[in-house]
């Protein structure tokens, strides 16, 4: 495969990847407030709050409790750290 063919091949891959990303973006926008996306958003909030807890542990603190609410919000209560 010469350099021109390789560049053409990369262009095709890039266009395909961009197309897939665009479709995924549109689906996320359309279904953002749907029951299908809710569990994913909730999981992201849990990971986010766990990261706060991990930061507290790494810096010598501890996790008191983690609260996640139905409005896709959360709070990580820590002590020390």
Protein backbone atom coordinates (compact mmCIF):
# COMPACT_ATOMS: atom_id res chain seq x y z
CA UNK A 1 0.00 0.00 0.00
CA UNK A 2 1.49 3.32 -1.04
CA UNK A 3 1.21 6.56 0.91
CA UNK A 4 -1.71 7.90 -1.17
CA UNK A 5 -3.77 4.76 -0.59
CA UNK A 6 -3.01 4.93 3.12
CA UNK A 7 -4.17 8.56 3.32
CA UNK A 8 -7.39 7.70 1.46
CA UNK A 9 -7.96 4.78 3.82
CA UNK A 10 -7.47 7.02 6.86
CA UNK A 11 -9.89 9.59 5.41
CA UNK A 12 -12.55 6.91 5.01
CA UNK A 13 -12.04 5.73 8.59
CA UNK A 14 -12.17 9.29 9.89
CA UNK A 15 -15.40 10.04 8.02
CA UNK A 16 -16.96 6.81 9.26
CA UNK A 17 -15.91 7.56 12.85
CA UNK A 18 -17.24 11.11 12.62
CA UNK A 19 -20.53 9.81 11.25
CA UNK A 20 -20.90 7.31 14.09
CA UNK A 21 -20.08 9.97 16.69
CA UNK A 22 -22.59 12.36 15.13
CA UNK A 23 -25.36 9.75 15.22
CA UNK A 24 -24.52 8.93 18.84
CA UNK A 25 -24.66 12.63 19.71
CA UNK A 26 -28.07 13.02 18.05
CA UNK A 27 -29.42 9.97 19.89
CA UNK A 28 -28.16 11.32 23.21
CA UNK A 29 -29.81 14.71 22.59
CA UNK A 30 -33.12 13.18 21.51
CA UNK A 31 -33.28 10.70 24.40
CA UNK A 32 -31.55 12.84 27.08
CA UNK A 33 -34.54 13.04 29.43
CA UNK A 34 -35.86 9.56 28.69
CA UNK A 35 -36.00 6.51 30.90
CA UNK A 36 -33.39 4.88 28.64
CA UNK A 37 -30.63 7.37 29.49
CA UNK A 38 -31.55 7.83 33.18
CA UNK A 39 -29.63 4.75 34.44
CA UNK A 40 -26.52 5.83 32.53
CA UNK A 41 -26.66 9.35 33.99
CA UNK A 42 -27.21 7.88 37.47
CA UNK A 43 -24.20 5.60 37.04
CA UNK A 44 -22.05 8.57 36.00
CA UNK A 45 -23.11 10.45 39.15
CA UNK A 46 -22.19 7.43 41.29
CA UNK A 47 -18.74 7.24 39.66
CA UNK A 48 -18.30 10.98 40.16
CA UNK A 49 -19.14 10.82 43.86
CA UNK A 50 -16.90 7.77 44.32
CA UNK A 51 -14.05 9.78 42.82
CA UNK A 52 -14.53 12.39 45.53
CA UNK A 53 -14.42 9.64 48.14
CA UNK A 54 -11.30 8.15 46.58
CA UNK A 55 -9.61 11.56 46.64
CA UNK A 56 -10.42 11.85 50.35
CA UNK A 57 -9.01 8.38 51.07
CA UNK A 58 -5.84 9.03 49.06
CA UNK A 59 -5.23 12.22 51.03
CA UNK A 60 -5.69 10.52 54.40
CA UNK A 61 -9.40 11.06 54.98
CA UNK A 62 -12.38 8.76 55.04
CA UNK A 63 -15.85 8.56 53.52
CA UNK A 64 -18.68 9.27 55.95
CA UNK A 65 -21.48 8.64 53.46
CA UNK A 66 -22.44 9.08 49.82
CA UNK A 67 -25.93 10.23 48.84
CA UNK A 68 -27.40 10.02 45.35
CA UNK A 69 -30.80 11.61 44.68
CA UNK A 70 -33.43 11.12 41.99
CA UNK A 71 -32.64 14.42 40.31
CA UNK A 72 -29.29 12.98 39.17
CA UNK A 73 -27.33 14.71 41.88
CA UNK A 74 -25.15 13.48 44.64
CA UNK A 75 -23.09 14.38 47.65
CA UNK A 76 -20.04 12.70 49.13
CA UNK A 77 -19.49 13.47 52.80
CA UNK A 78 -15.91 12.97 53.91
CA UNK A 79 -13.88 13.49 57.03
CA UNK A 80 -10.27 14.63 56.93
CA UNK A 81 -8.15 14.42 53.85
